[in-house]
C-alpha atoms as a PDB file:
ATOM      1  CA  MET A   1       0.010  -0.008  -0.067  1.00  0.00           C
ATOM      2  CA  GLN A   2       1.144   3.552  -0.545  1.00  0.00           C
ATOM      3  CA  LYS A   3       3.262   5.138   2.088  1.00  0.00           C
ATOM      4  CA  ASP A   4       3.338   8.796   3.169  1.00  0.00           C
ATOM      5  CA  ILE A   5       6.003  10.777   1.322  1.00  0.00           C
ATOM      6  CA  ASP A   6       7.747  13.454   3.390  1.00  0.00           C
ATOM      7  CA  LYS A   7      10.288  15.694   1.721  1.00  0.00           C
ATOM      8  CA  GLY A   8      10.480  18.553   4.196  1.00  0.00           C
ATOM      9  CA  GLU A   9       7.991  21.207   4.929  1.00  0.00           C
ATOM     10  CA  LEU A  10       7.122  21.912   1.298  1.00  0.00           C
ATOM     11  CA  ILE A  11       6.314  18.417   0.172  1.00  0.00           C
ATOM     12  CA  ARG A  12       4.313  15.999   2.076  1.00  0.00           C
ATOM     13  CA  ILE A  13       1.946  13.493   0.483  1.00  0.00           C
ATOM     14  CA  HIS A  14      -0.245  11.366   2.850  1.00  0.00           C
ATOM     15  CA  LYS A  15      -1.585   7.922   1.865  1.00  0.00           C
ATOM     16  CA  SER A  16      -5.055   9.197   2.888  1.00  0.00           C
ATOM     17  CA  ASP A  17      -4.926  11.915   0.197  1.00  0.00           C
ATOM     18  CA  ILE A  18      -4.516   9.270  -2.562  1.00  0.00           C
ATOM     19  CA  GLU A  19      -7.200   7.137  -0.976  1.00  0.00           C
ATOM     20  CA  VAL A  20      -9.707   9.942  -1.032  1.00  0.00           C
ATOM     21  CA  CYS A  21      -8.678  10.761  -4.618  1.00  0.00           C
ATOM     22  CA  GLU A  22      -9.227   7.134  -5.513  1.00  0.00           C
ATOM     23  CA  TYR A  23     -12.577   6.903  -3.887  1.00  0.00           C
ATOM     24  CA  ASP A  24     -13.779  10.100  -5.581  1.00  0.00           C
ATOM     25  CA  TYR A  25     -12.591   8.883  -8.975  1.00  0.00           C
ATOM     26  CA  LEU A  26     -14.205   5.566  -8.612  1.00  0.00           C
ATOM     27  CA  GLN A  27     -17.546   7.217  -7.738  1.00  0.00           C
ATOM     28  CA  THR A  28     -17.605   8.889 -11.055  1.00  0.00           C
ATOM     29  CA  LEU A  29     -17.763   5.442 -12.925  1.00  0.00           C
ATOM     30  CA  PRO A  30     -20.906   3.782 -13.864  1.00  0.00           C
ATOM     31  CA  ASP A  31     -19.321   0.544 -12.571  1.00  0.00           C
ATOM     32  CA  GLU A  32     -16.397   0.682 -10.288  1.00  0.00           C
ATOM     33  CA  THR A  33     -15.221  -2.729 -11.560  1.00  0.00           C
ATOM     34  CA  MET A  34     -14.398  -1.186 -14.958  1.00  0.00           C
ATOM     35  CA  ILE A  35     -11.088   0.157 -13.656  1.00  0.00           C
ATOM     36  CA  TYR A  36      -9.860  -3.484 -13.454  1.00  0.00           C
ATOM     37  CA  LYS A  37     -10.837  -4.207 -17.029  1.00  0.00           C
ATOM     38  CA  LYS A  38     -10.039  -1.095 -19.045  1.00  0.00           C
ATOM     39  CA  SER A  39      -6.646   0.380 -18.876  1.00  0.00           C
ATOM     40  CA  ASN A  40      -7.864   3.799 -20.192  1.00  0.00           C
ATOM     41  CA  ILE A  41     -10.035   4.080 -17.040  1.00  0.00           C
ATOM     42  CA  PHE A  42      -6.981   3.254 -14.837  1.00  0.00           C
ATOM     43  CA  LEU A  43      -5.010   5.965 -16.638  1.00  0.00           C
ATOM     44  CA  GLY A  44      -7.857   8.351 -15.816  1.00  0.00           C
ATOM     45  CA  LEU A  45      -7.246   7.325 -12.149  1.00  0.00           C
ATOM     46  CA  LEU A  46      -3.563   8.116 -12.375  1.00  0.00           C
ATOM     47  CA  GLU A  47      -4.356  11.527 -14.070  1.00  0.00           C
ATOM     48  CA  ALA A  48      -6.743  12.190 -11.186  1.00  0.00           C
ATOM     49  CA  VAL A  49      -4.082  11.404  -8.578  1.00  0.00           C
ATOM     50  CA  TYR A  50      -1.630  13.600 -10.412  1.00  0.00           C
ATOM     51  CA  LYS A  51      -3.974  16.493 -10.786  1.00  0.00           C
ATOM     52  CA  ASN A  52      -5.581  16.367  -7.312  1.00  0.00           C
ATOM     53  CA  VAL A  53      -2.655  15.161  -5.195  1.00  0.00           C
ATOM     54  CA  ILE A  54       0.805  15.246  -6.774  1.00  0.00           C
ATOM     55  CA  SER A  55       0.355  18.637  -8.528  1.00  0.00           C
ATOM     56  CA  VAL A  56      -1.201  20.209  -5.486  1.00  0.00           C
ATOM     57  CA  TYR A  57       1.778  19.134  -3.234  1.00  0.00           C
ATOM     58  CA  ILE A  58       4.573  18.764  -5.458  1.00  0.00           C
ATOM     59  CA  ILE A  59       4.294  21.024  -8.434  1.00  0.00           C
ATOM     60  CA  THR A  60       4.427  24.114  -6.271  1.00  0.00           C
ATOM     61  CA  ASP A  61       8.097  23.122  -5.865  1.00  0.00           C
ATOM     62  CA  LYS A  62       9.629  23.935  -9.256  1.00  0.00           C
ATOM     63  CA  THR A  63      12.428  21.188  -8.728  1.00  0.00           C
ATOM     64  CA  PHE A  64       9.909  18.360  -8.950  1.00  0.00           C
ATOM     65  CA  ASN A  65      11.055  17.292 -12.474  1.00  0.00           C
ATOM     66  CA  ASN A  66      14.626  17.371 -11.425  1.00  0.00           C
ATOM     67  CA  ASP A  67      14.339  15.819  -7.981  1.00  0.00           C
ATOM     68  CA  TYR A  68      14.974  12.188  -8.737  1.00  0.00           C
ATOM     69  CA  GLU A  69      14.917  11.188  -4.991  1.00  0.00           C
ATOM     70  CA  LEU A  70      11.391  12.466  -4.830  1.00  0.00           C
ATOM     71  CA  LEU A  71      10.431  11.076  -8.176  1.00  0.00           C
ATOM     72  CA  ASN A  72      11.824   7.684  -7.064  1.00  0.00           C
ATOM     73  CA  ASN A  73       9.489   7.877  -3.907  1.00  0.00           C
ATOM     74  CA  VAL A  74       6.511   8.652  -6.069  1.00  0.00           C
ATOM     75  CA  PHE A  75       7.449   5.672  -8.322  1.00  0.00           C
ATOM     76  CA  TYR A  76       7.733   3.170  -5.583  1.00  0.00           C
ATOM     77  CA  ASP A  77       5.405   4.478  -3.011  1.00  0.00           C
ATOM     78  CA  ILE A  78       2.440   5.710  -5.123  1.00  0.00           C
ATOM     79  CA  TYR A  79       2.727   4.482  -8.789  1.00  0.00           C
ATOM     80  CA  ILE A  80       3.736   0.842  -8.247  1.00  0.00           C
ATOM     81  CA  PRO A  81       1.138   0.189  -5.503  1.00  0.00           C
ATOM     82  CA  LEU A  82      -1.664   1.715  -7.544  1.00  0.00           C
ATOM     83  CA  VAL A  83      -0.690  -0.146 -10.702  1.00  0.00           C
ATOM     84  CA  TYR A  84      -0.549  -3.644  -8.858  1.00  0.00           C
ATOM     85  CA  LYS A  85      -3.645  -2.793  -6.720  1.00  0.00           C
ATOM     86  CA  TYR A  86      -5.673  -2.690 -10.005  1.00  0.00           C
ATOM     87  CA  GLY A  87      -4.133  -5.595 -11.780  1.00  0.00           C
ATOM     88  CA  TYR A  88      -1.996  -3.769 -14.327  1.00  0.00           C
ATOM     89  CA  THR A  89       1.617  -4.086 -15.292  1.00  0.00           C
ATOM     90  CA  PRO A  90       3.824  -1.142 -14.670  1.00  0.00           C
ATOM     91  CA  SER A  91       5.530   0.624 -17.555  1.00  0.00           C
ATOM     92  CA  ILE A  92       7.977   3.400 -17.908  1.00  0.00           C
ATOM     93  CA  TYR A  93       5.599   4.882 -20.390  1.00  0.00           C
ATOM     94  CA  MET A  94       2.829   4.882 -18.081  1.00  0.00           C
ATOM     95  CA  PHE A  95       4.976   6.417 -15.339  1.00  0.00           C
ATOM     96  CA  SER A  96       6.268   9.104 -17.681  1.00  0.00           C
ATOM     97  CA  SER A  97       2.689  10.033 -18.372  1.00  0.00           C
ATOM     98  CA  PHE A  98       1.711   9.927 -14.744  1.00  0.00           C
ATOM     99  CA  VAL A  99       4.372  12.490 -13.629  1.00  0.00           C
ATOM    100  CA  HIS A 100       4.269  14.424 -16.740  1.00  0.00           C
ATOM    101  CA  ILE A 101       7.925  13.944 -17.818  1.00  0.00           C
ATOM    102  CA  SER A 102       8.650  13.300 -21.372  1.00  0.00           C
ATOM    103  CA  MET A 103       9.685   9.866 -22.288  1.00  0.00           C
ATOM    104  CA  SER A 104      12.642  11.305 -24.338  1.00  0.00           C
ATOM    105  CA  ASN A 105      13.944  12.839 -21.116  1.00  0.00           C
ATOM    106  CA  LEU A 106      13.733   9.569 -19.251  1.00  0.00           C
ATOM    107  CA  THR A 107      15.280   7.692 -22.155  1.00  0.00           C
ATOM    108  CA  ASP A 108      18.134  10.171 -22.272  1.00  0.00           C
ATOM    109  CA  ILE A 109      18.733   9.931 -18.573  1.00  0.00           C
ATOM    110  CA  ASN A 110      18.557   6.130 -18.694  1.00  0.00           C
ATOM    111  CA  ASN A 111      21.291   6.331 -21.430  1.00  0.00           C
ATOM    112  CA  GLY A 112      23.440   8.620 -19.382  1.00  0.00           C
ATOM    113  CA  TYR A 113      22.953  12.060 -20.851  1.00  0.00           C
ATOM    114  CA  TYR A 114      20.594  14.926 -21.201  1.00  0.00           C
ATOM    115  CA  ARG A 115      19.242  15.605 -24.638  1.00  0.00           C
ATOM    116  CA  LYS A 116      19.381  19.524 -24.426  1.00  0.00           C
ATOM    117  CA  ASP A 117      23.186  19.864 -24.188  1.00  0.00           C
ATOM    118  CA  GLY A 118      24.397  16.435 -24.378  1.00  0.00           C
ATOM    119  CA  SER A 119      26.071  16.566 -20.933  1.00  0.00           C
ATOM    120  CA  LYS A 120      26.165  13.373 -18.721  1.00  0.00           C
ATOM    121  CA  VAL A 121      23.893  13.067 -15.826  1.00  0.00           C
ATOM    122  CA  ASN A 122      25.175  12.117 -12.535  1.00  0.00           C
ATOM    123  CA  SER A 123      25.325   8.371 -11.959  1.00  0.00           C
ATOM    124  CA  GLU A 124      22.859   8.337  -9.032  1.00  0.00           C
ATOM    125  CA  THR A 125      20.111   9.911 -11.185  1.00  0.00           C
ATOM    126  CA  GLN A 126      20.945   7.451 -13.969  1.00  0.00           C
ATOM    127  CA  LEU A 127      20.893   4.533 -11.582  1.00  0.00           C
ATOM    128  CA  THR A 128      17.361   5.653 -10.269  1.00  0.00           C
ATOM    129  CA  VAL A 129      15.989   5.840 -13.845  1.00  0.00           C
ATOM    130  CA  GLN A 130      17.616   2.506 -14.789  1.00  0.00           C
ATOM    131  CA  ASN A 131      15.980   0.945 -11.802  1.00  0.00           C
ATOM    132  CA  TRP A 132      12.491   2.145 -12.845  1.00  0.00           C
ATOM    133  CA  TYR A 133      13.311   0.705 -16.290  1.00  0.00           C
ATOM    134  CA  ASN A 134      14.304  -2.502 -14.810  1.00  0.00           C
ATOM    135  CA  THR A 135      11.298  -2.796 -12.447  1.00  0.00           C
ATOM    136  CA  CYS A 136       8.825  -2.305 -15.353  1.00  0.00           C
ATOM    137  CA  LYS A 137      10.828  -4.576 -17.536  1.00  0.00           C
ATOM    138  CA  ALA A 138      10.856  -7.362 -14.951  1.00  0.00           C
ATOM    139  CA  ALA A 139       7.104  -6.986 -14.592  1.00  0.00           C
ATOM    140  CA  THR A 140       6.495  -7.099 -18.242  1.00  0.00           C
ATOM    141  CA  ILE A 141       8.594 -10.199 -18.743  1.00  0.00           C
ATOM    142  CA  THR A 142       6.844 -11.881 -15.709  1.00  0.00           C
ATOM    143  CA  ARG A 143       3.541 -11.082 -17.217  1.00  0.00           C
ATOM    144  CA  ALA A 144       4.467 -12.388 -20.603  1.00  0.00           C
ATOM    145  CA  ILE A 145       5.569 -15.642 -18.902  1.00  0.00           C
ATOM    146  CA  ASP A 146       2.574 -15.959 -16.602  1.00  0.00           C
ATOM    147  CA  ASP A 147      -0.005 -15.291 -19.243  1.00  0.00           C
ATOM    148  CA  ASN A 148       1.829 -16.828 -22.169  1.00  0.00           C
ATOM    149  CA  SER A 149       0.655 -13.569 -23.913  1.00  0.00           C
ATOM    150  CA  ILE A 150       1.692 -12.575 -27.339  1.00  0.00           C
ATOM    151  CA  GLY A 151       0.758  -9.023 -26.599  1.00  0.00           C
ATOM    152  CA  ALA A 152       3.053  -8.981 -23.422  1.00  0.00           C
ATOM    153  CA  ILE A 153       5.822 -10.500 -25.605  1.00  0.00           C
ATOM    154  CA  PHE A 154       5.439  -7.794 -28.183  1.00  0.00           C
ATOM    155  CA  ALA A 155       5.250  -5.186 -25.555  1.00  0.00           C
ATOM    156  CA  SER A 156       8.613  -6.407 -24.092  1.00  0.00           C
ATOM    157  CA  LYS A 157      10.157  -6.148 -27.454  1.00  0.00           C
ATOM    158  CA  ALA A 158       8.764  -2.756 -28.327  1.00  0.00           C
ATOM    159  CA  ALA A 159       9.138  -1.024 -24.970  1.00  0.00           C
ATOM    160  CA  TYR A 160      12.478  -2.510 -23.790  1.00  0.00           C
ATOM    161  CA  GLY A 161      14.285  -3.560 -26.924  1.00  0.00           C
ATOM    162  CA  MET A 162      14.167  -7.133 -26.045  1.00  0.00           C
ATOM    163  CA  VAL A 163      14.786  -9.791 -28.841  1.00  0.00           C
ATOM    164  CA  GLU A 164      14.291 -13.520 -28.881  1.00  0.00           C
ATOM    165  CA  ALA A 165      17.417 -15.427 -28.443  1.00  0.00           C
ATOM    166  CA  ALA A 166      18.394 -17.653 -31.349  1.00  0.00           C
ATOM    167  CA  GLN A 167      17.961 -21.343 -30.416  1.00  0.00           C
ATOM    168  CA  PRO A 168      21.200 -23.286 -30.602  1.00  0.00           C
ATOM    169  CA  ILE A 169      21.322 -25.845 -33.327  1.00  0.00           C
ATOM    170  CA  PRO A 170      22.324 -29.159 -31.960  1.00  0.00           C
ATOM    171  CA  GLU A 171      25.557 -30.594 -33.195  1.00  0.00           C
ATOM    172  CA  THR A 172      24.935 -33.395 -35.856  1.00  0.00           C
ATOM    173  CA  LYS A 173      27.167 -36.585 -35.946  1.00  0.00           C
ATOM    174  CA  THR A 174      28.829 -37.324 -39.089  1.00  0.00           C
ATOM    175  CA  ASP A 175      29.163 -41.087 -38.552  1.00  0.00           C
ATOM    176  CA  PRO A 176      25.746 -42.736 -37.833  1.00  0.00           C
ATOM    177  CA  ASP A 177      27.553 -45.747 -36.319  1.00  0.00           C
ATOM    178  CA  ILE A 178      28.929 -43.550 -33.454  1.00  0.00           C
ATOM    179  CA  ILE A 179      26.644 -43.632 -30.337  1.00  0.00           C
ATOM    180  CA  ASP A 180      27.249 -40.997 -27.770  1.00  0.00           C
ATOM    181  CA  ILE A 181      27.378 -42.771 -24.354  1.00  0.00           C
ATOM    182  CA  SER A 182      29.067 -39.973 -22.395  1.00  0.00           C
ATOM    183  CA  PHE A 183      25.895 -39.614 -20.377  1.00  0.00           C
ATOM    184  CA  LEU A 184      26.725 -43.061 -18.846  1.00  0.00           C
ATOM    185  CA  THR A 185      30.078 -41.779 -17.212  1.00  0.00           C
ATOM    186  CA  ASP A 186      28.132 -40.383 -14.246  1.00  0.00           C
ATOM    187  CA  GLN A 187      26.401 -43.648 -13.642  1.00  0.00           C
ATOM    188  CA  GLY A 188      29.498 -45.686 -13.248  1.00  0.00           C
ATOM    189  CA  ASP A 189      32.656 -47.015 -14.802  1.00  0.00           C
ATOM    190  CA  LEU A 190      32.449 -47.889 -18.438  1.00  0.00           C
ATOM    191  CA  ALA A 191      34.511 -50.966 -17.883  1.00  0.00           C
ATOM    192  CA  GLU A 192      31.710 -52.434 -15.698  1.00  0.00           C
ATOM    193  CA  LEU A 193      29.316 -52.384 -18.728  1.00  0.00           C
ATOM    194  CA  PRO A 194      28.365 -55.828 -19.977  1.00  0.00           C
ATOM    195  CA  LYS A 195      30.130 -56.965 -23.270  1.00  0.00           C
ATOM    196  CA  TYR A 196      28.203 -58.469 -26.098  1.00  0.00           C
ATOM    197  CA  ASP A 197      29.613 -60.730 -28.869  1.00  0.00           C
ATOM    198  CA  ASP A 198      29.281 -59.544 -32.414  1.00  0.00           C
ATOM    199  CA  ASP A 199      28.256 -63.050 -33.597  1.00  0.00           C
END
């Protein structure tokens, strides 16, 4: 469940603020269970949380988009619990939309530089963003495995640059009379095997 985020006197988000926002949003739906079935309705909840909670408490502080410690708290203490609570898979794209930071900025930081001037970001900021990517990537892979979902497999490829590994081609024997018995060496000494006459 979401935890309170406290970043000094200016920024304080309480779990109860998010719960009130969730409740208010769900009351606007004709059927509250729709949020579990339609991702666009869940995205609407994220937007409501941003508008009514995050922007009220955080956006007054102009450093929000550059405060990666605070963004990390938002990612792990607000975003991830909400995503899992409603049965969705976290994605870096959804988080980018949630906190209103462009995907290109997150991609640039993940790759170690800022796009504007090409300068390197500090390693702590890069590691933070890489952890977000890895968290989302792991969730997507897990979903693809659990659901055996073609859609999740394609999402993994598109979102995280994953590719299918080429399957190794088994080595073929050139002489059909040679039989590989190397697997027997763990079972005992080859000298103890029975001998048969070729008659």
